[in-house]
Amino acid sequence: MKMSGPNGDPEIRADEGLLEDEEDFNEQEYAAINSMLDQINSCLDNLEERNDALNGKLHELLESNRQARQEFRAQLNETQPVEQKHPPSEG
């Protein structure tokens, strides 16, 4: 029985590449797969830690920005009444 492969390869048989018994897939191959999965897991853990650190820094930056805007608005509110009391003279 012939069927196309994952990339549309027309000459791949349906039974090609299938294991006849579990002994064909030996302990070394399982160990290699486990090692690769451990490496992937380690990389994902590292990415998660970096993401958490960046998320924390982003929240600090947003809070700092919010406080700066509040201080700026407070300064604007303090100076506006003074300017309104003394309108510019017409010349």
PDB file of N, CA and C in Angstrom:
ATOM      1  N   MET A   1       0.847  -1.176   0.000  1.00  0.00           N
ATOM      2  CA  MET A   1       0.000   0.000   0.000  1.00  0.00           C
ATOM      3  C   MET A   1       0.891   1.236   0.000  1.00  0.00           C
ATOM      4  N   LYS A   2       0.685   2.104  -0.967  1.00  0.00           N
ATOM      5  CA  LYS A   2       1.485   3.322  -1.058  1.00  0.00           C
ATOM      6  C   LYS A   2       0.609   4.514  -0.725  1.00  0.00           C
ATOM      7  N   MET A   3       1.237   5.498  -0.084  1.00  0.00           N
ATOM      8  CA  MET A   3       0.546   6.744   0.219  1.00  0.00           C
ATOM      9  C   MET A   3       1.582   7.847   0.237  1.00  0.00           C
ATOM     10  N   SER A   4       1.140   9.080   0.177  1.00  0.00           N
ATOM     11  CA  SER A   4       2.087  10.182   0.195  1.00  0.00           C
ATOM     12  C   SER A   4       2.573  10.417   1.612  1.00  0.00           C
ATOM     13  N   GLY A   5       3.823  10.850   1.708  1.00  0.00           N
ATOM     14  CA  GLY A   5       4.435  11.128   3.001  1.00  0.00           C
ATOM     15  C   GLY A   5       4.007  12.486   3.529  1.00  0.00           C
ATOM     16  N   PRO A   6       4.610  12.922   4.640  1.00  0.00           N
ATOM     17  CA  PRO A   6       4.219  14.183   5.257  1.00  0.00           C
ATOM     18  C   PRO A   6       4.469  15.388   4.366  1.00  0.00           C
ATOM     19  N   ASN A   7       5.440  15.284   3.453  1.00  0.00           N
ATOM     20  CA  ASN A   7       5.733  16.387   2.548  1.00  0.00           C
ATOM     21  C   ASN A   7       5.182  16.121   1.155  1.00  0.00           C
ATOM     22  N   GLY A   8       4.279  15.167   1.045  1.00  0.00           N
ATOM     23  CA  GLY A   8       3.694  14.835  -0.235  1.00  0.00           C
ATOM     24  C   GLY A   8       4.566  13.912  -1.061  1.00  0.00           C
ATOM     25  N   ASP A   9       5.562  13.262  -0.455  1.00  0.00           N
ATOM     26  CA  ASP A   9       6.427  12.345  -1.180  1.00  0.00           C
ATOM     27  C   ASP A   9       5.595  11.148  -1.643  1.00  0.00           C
ATOM     28  N   PRO A  10       5.506  10.902  -2.945  1.00  0.00           N
ATOM     29  CA  PRO A  10       4.610   9.858  -3.432  1.00  0.00           C
ATOM     30  C   PRO A  10       5.122   8.438  -3.254  1.00  0.00           C
ATOM     31  N   GLU A  11       6.395   8.234  -2.997  1.00  0.00           N
ATOM     32  CA  GLU A  11       6.964   6.890  -2.969  1.00  0.00           C
ATOM     33  C   GLU A  11       7.180   6.348  -1.561  1.00  0.00           C
ATOM     34  N   ILE A  12       6.417   6.763  -0.591  1.00  0.00           N
ATOM     35  CA  ILE A  12       6.556   6.253   0.764  1.00  0.00           C
ATOM     36  C   ILE A  12       5.469   5.221   1.011  1.00  0.00           C
ATOM     37  N   ARG A  13       5.903   4.052   1.463  1.00  0.00           N
ATOM     38  CA  ARG A  13       4.950   2.983   1.741  1.00  0.00           C
ATOM     39  C   ARG A  13       4.343   3.180   3.128  1.00  0.00           C
ATOM     40  N   ALA A  14       3.124   2.744   3.325  1.00  0.00           N
ATOM     41  CA  ALA A  14       2.436   2.920   4.600  1.00  0.00           C
ATOM     42  C   ALA A  14       3.121   2.160   5.718  1.00  0.00           C
ATOM     43  N   ASP A  15       3.710   1.002   5.412  1.00  0.00           N
ATOM     44  CA  ASP A  15       4.356   0.215   6.458  1.00  0.00           C
ATOM     45  C   ASP A  15       5.835   0.534   6.597  1.00  0.00           C
ATOM     46  N   GLU A  16       6.343   1.433   5.804  1.00  0.00           N
ATOM     47  CA  GLU A  16       7.758   1.780   5.865  1.00  0.00           C
ATOM     48  C   GLU A  16       8.050   2.580   7.126  1.00  0.00           C
ATOM     49  N   GLY A  17       9.082   2.208   7.839  1.00  0.00           N
ATOM     50  CA  GLY A  17       9.472   2.923   9.034  1.00  0.00           C
ATOM     51  C   GLY A  17       8.776   2.459  10.288  1.00  0.00           C
ATOM     52  N   LEU A  18       7.817   1.570  10.177  1.00  0.00           N
ATOM     53  CA  LEU A  18       7.134   1.057  11.363  1.00  0.00           C
ATOM     54  C   LEU A  18       7.992  -0.012  12.023  1.00  0.00           C
ATOM     55  N   LEU A  19       7.963  -0.060  13.337  1.00  0.00           N
ATOM     56  CA  LEU A  19       8.745  -1.032  14.081  1.00  0.00           C
ATOM     57  C   LEU A  19       8.030  -2.375  14.105  1.00  0.00           C
ATOM     58  N   GLU A  20       8.783  -3.414  13.829  1.00  0.00           N
ATOM     59  CA  GLU A  20       8.206  -4.758  13.881  1.00  0.00           C
ATOM     60  C   GLU A  20       7.974  -5.173  15.331  1.00  0.00           C
ATOM     61  N   ASP A  21       8.932  -4.866  16.198  1.00  0.00           N
ATOM     62  CA  ASP A  21       8.750  -5.148  17.617  1.00  0.00           C
ATOM     63  C   ASP A  21       9.479  -4.075  18.418  1.00  0.00           C
ATOM     64  N   GLU A  22       9.221  -4.048  19.687  1.00  0.00           N
ATOM     65  CA  GLU A  22       9.774  -2.995  20.531  1.00  0.00           C
ATOM     66  C   GLU A  22      11.273  -3.091  20.692  1.00  0.00           C
ATOM     67  N   GLU A  23      11.868  -4.226  20.407  1.00  0.00           N
ATOM     68  CA  GLU A  23      13.306  -4.376  20.541  1.00  0.00           C
ATOM     69  C   GLU A  23      14.052  -3.554  19.504  1.00  0.00           C
ATOM     70  N   ASP A  24      13.392  -3.219  18.391  1.00  0.00           N
ATOM     71  CA  ASP A  24      14.036  -2.378  17.382  1.00  0.00           C
ATOM     72  C   ASP A  24      14.335  -0.989  17.938  1.00  0.00           C
ATOM     73  N   PHE A  25      13.541  -0.573  18.853  1.00  0.00           N
ATOM     74  CA  PHE A  25      13.724   0.734  19.490  1.00  0.00           C
ATOM     75  C   PHE A  25      14.414   0.473  20.820  1.00  0.00           C
ATOM     76  N   ASN A  26      15.742   0.522  20.833  1.00  0.00           N
ATOM     77  CA  ASN A  26      16.501   0.051  21.991  1.00  0.00           C
ATOM     78  C   ASN A  26      16.642   1.106  23.086  1.00  0.00           C
ATOM     79  N   GLU A  27      17.272   0.705  24.148  1.00  0.00           N
ATOM     80  CA  GLU A  27      17.434   1.562  25.323  1.00  0.00           C
ATOM     81  C   GLU A  27      18.233   2.823  25.008  1.00  0.00           C
ATOM     82  N   GLN A  28      19.210   2.709  24.112  1.00  0.00           N
ATOM     83  CA  GLN A  28      20.015   3.888  23.762  1.00  0.00           C
ATOM     84  C   GLN A  28      19.153   4.957  23.107  1.00  0.00           C
ATOM     85  N   GLU A  29      18.231   4.537  22.282  1.00  0.00           N
ATOM     86  CA  GLU A  29      17.351   5.495  21.625  1.00  0.00           C
ATOM     87  C   GLU A  29      16.400   6.141  22.632  1.00  0.00           C
ATOM     88  N   TYR A  30      15.898   5.353  23.577  1.00  0.00           N
ATOM     89  CA  TYR A  30      15.056   5.926  24.634  1.00  0.00           C
ATOM     90  C   TYR A  30      15.862   6.918  25.473  1.00  0.00           C
ATOM     91  N   ALA A  31      17.102   6.545  25.786  1.00  0.00           N
ATOM     92  CA  ALA A  31      17.956   7.436  26.580  1.00  0.00           C
ATOM     93  C   ALA A  31      18.235   8.729  25.819  1.00  0.00           C
ATOM     94  N   ALA A  32      18.459   8.623  24.509  1.00  0.00           N
ATOM     95  CA  ALA A  32      18.711   9.825  23.697  1.00  0.00           C
ATOM     96  C   ALA A  32      17.484  10.726  23.674  1.00  0.00           C
ATOM     97  N   ILE A  33      16.313  10.104  23.530  1.00  0.00           N
ATOM     98  CA  ILE A  33      15.071  10.897  23.526  1.00  0.00           C
ATOM     99  C   ILE A  33      14.855  11.549  24.889  1.00  0.00           C
ATOM    100  N   ASN A  34      15.089  10.811  25.959  1.00  0.00           N
ATOM    101  CA  ASN A  34      14.950  11.370  27.302  1.00  0.00           C
ATOM    102  C   ASN A  34      15.903  12.535  27.505  1.00  0.00           C
ATOM    103  N   SER A  35      17.125  12.392  27.009  1.00  0.00           N
ATOM    104  CA  SER A  35      18.098  13.470  27.140  1.00  0.00           C
ATOM    105  C   SER A  35      17.636  14.720  26.381  1.00  0.00           C
ATOM    106  N   MET A  36      17.127  14.509  25.171  1.00  0.00           N
ATOM    107  CA  MET A  36      16.628  15.650  24.392  1.00  0.00           C
ATOM    108  C   MET A  36      15.442  16.311  25.091  1.00  0.00           C
ATOM    109  N   LEU A  37      14.550  15.505  25.636  1.00  0.00           N
ATOM    110  CA  LEU A  37      13.399  16.066  26.350  1.00  0.00           C
ATOM    111  C   LEU A  37      13.843  16.835  27.589  1.00  0.00           C
ATOM    112  N   ASP A  38      14.862  16.331  28.281  1.00  0.00           N
ATOM    113  CA  ASP A  38      15.408  17.050  29.441  1.00  0.00           C
ATOM    114  C   ASP A  38      15.988  18.393  29.025  1.00  0.00           C
ATOM    115  N   GLN A  39      16.690  18.407  27.890  1.00  0.00           N
ATOM    116  CA  GLN A  39      17.258  19.661  27.393  1.00  0.00           C
ATOM    117  C   GLN A  39      16.152  20.647  27.022  1.00  0.00           C
ATOM    118  N   ILE A  40      15.129  20.155  26.359  1.00  0.00           N
ATOM    119  CA  ILE A  40      13.999  21.021  25.993  1.00  0.00           C
ATOM    120  C   ILE A  40      13.328  21.568  27.243  1.00  0.00           C
ATOM    121  N   ASN A  41      13.131  20.705  28.237  1.00  0.00           N
ATOM    122  CA  ASN A  41      12.515  21.126  29.492  1.00  0.00           C
ATOM    123  C   ASN A  41      13.353  22.197  30.178  1.00  0.00           C
ATOM    124  N   SER A  42      14.667  22.000  30.177  1.00  0.00           N
ATOM    125  CA  SER A  42      15.571  22.979  30.780  1.00  0.00           C
ATOM    126  C   SER A  42      15.477  24.323  30.055  1.00  0.00           C
ATOM    127  N   CYS A  43      15.444  24.282  28.731  1.00  0.00           N
ATOM    128  CA  CYS A  43      15.313  25.520  27.955  1.00  0.00           C
ATOM    129  C   CYS A  43      13.988  26.223  28.242  1.00  0.00           C
ATOM    130  N   LEU A  44      12.921  25.443  28.335  1.00  0.00           N
ATOM    131  CA  LEU A  44      11.612  26.030  28.631  1.00  0.00           C
ATOM    132  C   LEU A  44      11.586  26.647  30.029  1.00  0.00           C
ATOM    133  N   ASP A  45      12.230  25.979  30.996  1.00  0.00           N
ATOM    134  CA  ASP A  45      12.315  26.543  32.348  1.00  0.00           C
ATOM    135  C   ASP A  45      13.079  27.865  32.327  1.00  0.00           C
ATOM    136  N   ASN A  46      14.177  27.900  31.566  1.00  0.00           N
ATOM    137  CA  ASN A  46      14.967  29.116  31.452  1.00  0.00           C
ATOM    138  C   ASN A  46      14.150  30.242  30.824  1.00  0.00           C
ATOM    139  N   LEU A  47      13.413  29.922  29.764  1.00  0.00           N
ATOM    140  CA  LEU A  47      12.555  30.923  29.129  1.00  0.00           C
ATOM    141  C   LEU A  47      11.477  31.424  30.080  1.00  0.00           C
ATOM    142  N   GLU A  48      10.917  30.526  30.865  1.00  0.00           N
ATOM    143  CA  GLU A  48       9.885  30.916  31.822  1.00  0.00           C
ATOM    144  C   GLU A  48      10.455  31.860  32.878  1.00  0.00           C
ATOM    145  N   GLU A  49      11.671  31.579  33.351  1.00  0.00           N
ATOM    146  CA  GLU A  49      12.309  32.458  34.336  1.00  0.00           C
ATOM    147  C   GLU A  49      12.576  33.843  33.736  1.00  0.00           C
ATOM    148  N   ARG A  50      13.067  33.870  32.497  1.00  0.00           N
ATOM    149  CA  ARG A  50      13.317  35.161  31.832  1.00  0.00           C
ATOM    150  C   ARG A  50      12.022  35.926  31.633  1.00  0.00           C
ATOM    151  N   ASN A  51      10.969  35.205  31.239  1.00  0.00           N
ATOM    152  CA  ASN A  51       9.674  35.838  31.040  1.00  0.00           C
ATOM    153  C   ASN A  51       9.157  36.446  32.338  1.00  0.00           C
ATOM    154  N   ASP A  52       9.286  35.704  33.432  1.00  0.00           N
ATOM    155  CA  ASP A  52       8.850  36.206  34.735  1.00  0.00           C
ATOM    156  C   ASP A  52       9.644  37.451  35.132  1.00  0.00           C
ATOM    157  N   ALA A  53      10.967  37.427  34.889  1.00  0.00           N
ATOM    158  CA  ALA A  53      11.809  38.578  35.228  1.00  0.00           C
ATOM    159  C   ALA A  53      11.421  39.792  34.392  1.00  0.00           C
ATOM    160  N   LEU A  54      11.209  39.581  33.094  1.00  0.00           N
ATOM    161  CA  LEU A  54      10.806  40.694  32.229  1.00  0.00           C
ATOM    162  C   LEU A  54       9.435  41.224  32.610  1.00  0.00           C
ATOM    163  N   ASN A  55       8.534  40.338  32.981  1.00  0.00           N
ATOM    164  CA  ASN A  55       7.202  40.750  33.400  1.00  0.00           C
ATOM    165  C   ASN A  55       7.280  41.619  34.655  1.00  0.00           C
ATOM    166  N   GLY A  56       8.134  41.215  35.613  1.00  0.00           N
ATOM    167  CA  GLY A  56       8.313  42.005  36.827  1.00  0.00           C
ATOM    168  C   GLY A  56       8.890  43.381  36.521  1.00  0.00           C
ATOM    169  N   LYS A  57       9.894  43.433  35.639  1.00  0.00           N
ATOM    170  CA  LYS A  57      10.487  44.724  35.266  1.00  0.00           C
ATOM    171  C   LYS A  57       9.476  45.607  34.549  1.00  0.00           C
ATOM    172  N   LEU A  58       8.637  45.003  33.722  1.00  0.00           N
ATOM    173  CA  LEU A  58       7.607  45.767  33.019  1.00  0.00           C
ATOM    174  C   LEU A  58       6.617  46.381  34.003  1.00  0.00           C
ATOM    175  N   HIS A  59       6.202  45.620  34.997  1.00  0.00           N
ATOM    176  CA  HIS A  59       5.282  46.157  36.004  1.00  0.00           C
ATOM    177  C   HIS A  59       5.940  47.292  36.787  1.00  0.00           C
ATOM    178  N   GLU A  60       7.228  47.159  37.113  1.00  0.00           N
ATOM    179  CA  GLU A  60       7.939  48.241  37.808  1.00  0.00           C
ATOM    180  C   GLU A  60       7.991  49.491  36.939  1.00  0.00           C
ATOM    181  N   LEU A  61       8.275  49.314  35.655  1.00  0.00           N
ATOM    182  CA  LEU A  61       8.340  50.446  34.732  1.00  0.00           C
ATOM    183  C   LEU A  61       6.982  51.118  34.595  1.00  0.00           C
ATOM    184  N   LEU A  62       5.923  50.322  34.478  1.00  0.00           N
ATOM    185  CA  LEU A  62       4.580  50.900  34.371  1.00  0.00           C
ATOM    186  C   LEU A  62       4.206  51.684  35.623  1.00  0.00           C
ATOM    187  N   GLU A  63       4.539  51.144  36.794  1.00  0.00           N
ATOM    188  CA  GLU A  63       4.235  51.843  38.044  1.00  0.00           C
ATOM    189  C   GLU A  63       5.044  53.137  38.144  1.00  0.00           C
ATOM    190  N   SER A  64       6.301  53.084  37.758  1.00  0.00           N
ATOM    191  CA  SER A  64       7.139  54.284  37.773  1.00  0.00           C
ATOM    192  C   SER A  64       6.581  55.339  36.821  1.00  0.00           C
ATOM    193  N   ASN A  65       6.149  54.910  35.654  1.00  0.00           N
ATOM    194  CA  ASN A  65       5.561  55.820  34.676  1.00  0.00           C
ATOM    195  C   ASN A  65       4.272  56.431  35.219  1.00  0.00           C
ATOM    196  N   ARG A  66       3.463  55.624  35.868  1.00  0.00           N
ATOM    197  CA  ARG A  66       2.200  56.114  36.439  1.00  0.00           C
ATOM    198  C   ARG A  66       2.468  57.179  37.509  1.00  0.00           C
ATOM    199  N   GLN A  67       3.449  56.919  38.369  1.00  0.00           N
ATOM    200  CA  GLN A  67       3.791  57.888  39.409  1.00  0.00           C
ATOM    201  C   GLN A  67       4.338  59.175  38.808  1.00  0.00           C
ATOM    202  N   ALA A  68       5.153  59.071  37.774  1.00  0.00           N
ATOM    203  CA  ALA A  68       5.708  60.260  37.122  1.00  0.00           C
ATOM    204  C   ALA A  68       4.598  61.104  36.501  1.00  0.00           C
ATOM    205  N   ARG A  69       3.618  60.437  35.872  1.00  0.00           N
ATOM    206  CA  ARG A  69       2.495  61.181  35.297  1.00  0.00           C
ATOM    207  C   ARG A  69       1.669  61.874  36.373  1.00  0.00           C
ATOM    208  N   GLN A  70       1.460  61.205  37.509  1.00  0.00           N
ATOM    209  CA  GLN A  70       0.696  61.818  38.597  1.00  0.00           C
ATOM    210  C   GLN A  70       1.440  63.043  39.144  1.00  0.00           C
ATOM    211  N   GLU A  71       2.754  62.932  39.295  1.00  0.00           N
ATOM    212  CA  GLU A  71       3.541  64.072  39.777  1.00  0.00           C
ATOM    213  C   GLU A  71       3.507  65.216  38.771  1.00  0.00           C
ATOM    214  N   PHE A  72       3.592  64.893  37.491  1.00  0.00           N
ATOM    215  CA  PHE A  72       3.545  65.913  36.454  1.00  0.00           C
ATOM    216  C   PHE A  72       2.190  66.620  36.454  1.00  0.00           C
ATOM    217  N   ARG A  73       1.107  65.848  36.588  1.00  0.00           N
ATOM    218  CA  ARG A  73      -0.223  66.455  36.641  1.00  0.00           C
ATOM    219  C   ARG A  73      -0.380  67.343  37.877  1.00  0.00           C
ATOM    220  N   ALA A  74       0.179  66.882  38.998  1.00  0.00           N
ATOM    221  CA  ALA A  74       0.097  67.689  40.220  1.00  0.00           C
ATOM    222  C   ALA A  74       0.837  69.007  40.030  1.00  0.00           C
ATOM    223  N   GLN A  75       1.991  68.979  39.385  1.00  0.00           N
ATOM    224  CA  GLN A  75       2.732  70.222  39.131  1.00  0.00           C
ATOM    225  C   GLN A  75       1.954  71.133  38.195  1.00  0.00           C
ATOM    226  N   LEU A  76       1.309  70.548  37.164  1.00  0.00           N
ATOM    227  CA  LEU A  76       0.511  71.360  36.250  1.00  0.00           C
ATOM    228  C   LEU A  76      -0.668  72.000  36.977  1.00  0.00           C
ATOM    229  N   ASN A  77      -1.306  71.253  37.861  1.00  0.00           N
ATOM    230  CA  ASN A  77      -2.446  71.775  38.606  1.00  0.00           C
ATOM    231  C   ASN A  77      -2.016  72.886  39.557  1.00  0.00           C
ATOM    232  N   GLU A  78      -0.796  72.822  40.095  1.00  0.00           N
ATOM    233  CA  GLU A  78      -0.299  73.880  40.986  1.00  0.00           C
ATOM    234  C   GLU A  78       0.001  75.159  40.228  1.00  0.00           C
ATOM    235  N   THR A  79       0.501  75.053  39.000  1.00  0.00           N
ATOM    236  CA  THR A  79       0.877  76.248  38.235  1.00  0.00           C
ATOM    237  C   THR A  79      -0.293  76.868  37.498  1.00  0.00           C
ATOM    238  N   GLN A  80      -1.311  76.120  37.136  1.00  0.00           N
ATOM    239  CA  GLN A  80      -2.430  76.675  36.378  1.00  0.00           C
ATOM    240  C   GLN A  80      -3.218  77.719  37.153  1.00  0.00           C
ATOM    241  N   PRO A  81      -3.563  77.545  38.416  1.00  0.00           N
ATOM    242  CA  PRO A  81      -4.306  78.605  39.108  1.00  0.00           C
ATOM    243  C   PRO A  81      -3.522  79.907  39.178  1.00  0.00           C
ATOM    244  N   VAL A  82      -2.222  79.870  39.330  1.00  0.00           N
ATOM    245  CA  VAL A  82      -1.409  81.083  39.385  1.00  0.00           C
ATOM    246  C   VAL A  82      -1.487  81.809  38.056  1.00  0.00           C
ATOM    247  N   GLU A  83      -1.406  81.100  36.965  1.00  0.00           N
ATOM    248  CA  GLU A  83      -1.461  81.711  35.641  1.00  0.00           C
ATOM    249  C   GLU A  83      -2.839  82.295  35.368  1.00  0.00           C
ATOM    250  N   GLN A  84      -3.879  81.677  35.886  1.00  0.00           N
ATOM    251  CA  GLN A  84      -5.224  82.172  35.656  1.00  0.00           C
ATOM    252  C   GLN A  84      -5.477  83.445  36.452  1.00  0.00           C
ATOM    253  N   LYS A  85      -4.814  83.639  37.595  1.00  0.00           N
ATOM    254  CA  LYS A  85      -5.009  84.823  38.410  1.00  0.00           C
ATOM    255  C   LYS A  85      -4.379  86.054  37.751  1.00  0.00           C
ATOM    256  N   HIS A  86      -3.329  85.835  36.995  1.00  0.00           N
ATOM    257  CA  HIS A  86      -2.603  86.932  36.345  1.00  0.00           C
ATOM    258  C   HIS A  86      -2.645  86.742  34.841  1.00  0.00           C
ATOM    259  N   PRO A  87      -3.759  87.143  34.193  1.00  0.00           N
ATOM    260  CA  PRO A  87      -3.822  86.977  32.725  1.00  0.00           C
ATOM    261  C   PRO A  87      -2.789  87.899  32.066  1.00  0.00           C
ATOM    262  N   PRO A  88      -2.310  87.514  30.920  1.00  0.00           N
ATOM    263  CA  PRO A  88      -1.320  88.369  30.236  1.00  0.00           C
ATOM    264  C   PRO A  88      -1.930  89.712  29.878  1.00  0.00           C
ATOM    265  N   SER A  89      -1.172  90.748  30.031  1.00  0.00           N
ATOM    266  CA  SER A  89      -1.691  92.095  29.707  1.00  0.00           C
ATOM    267  C   SER A  89      -1.688  92.287  28.201  1.00  0.00           C
ATOM    268  N   GLU A  90      -2.703  93.054  27.806  1.00  0.00           N
ATOM    269  CA  GLU A  90      -2.819  93.298  26.369  1.00  0.00           C
ATOM    270  C   GLU A  90      -1.931  94.504  26.032  1.00  0.00           C
ATOM    271  N   GLY A  91      -1.224  94.402  24.944  1.00  0.00           N
ATOM    272  CA  GLY A  91      -0.245  95.419  24.682  1.00  0.00           C
ATOM    273  C   GLY A  91      -0.319  96.013  23.418  1.00  0.00           C
TER     274      GLY A  91
END
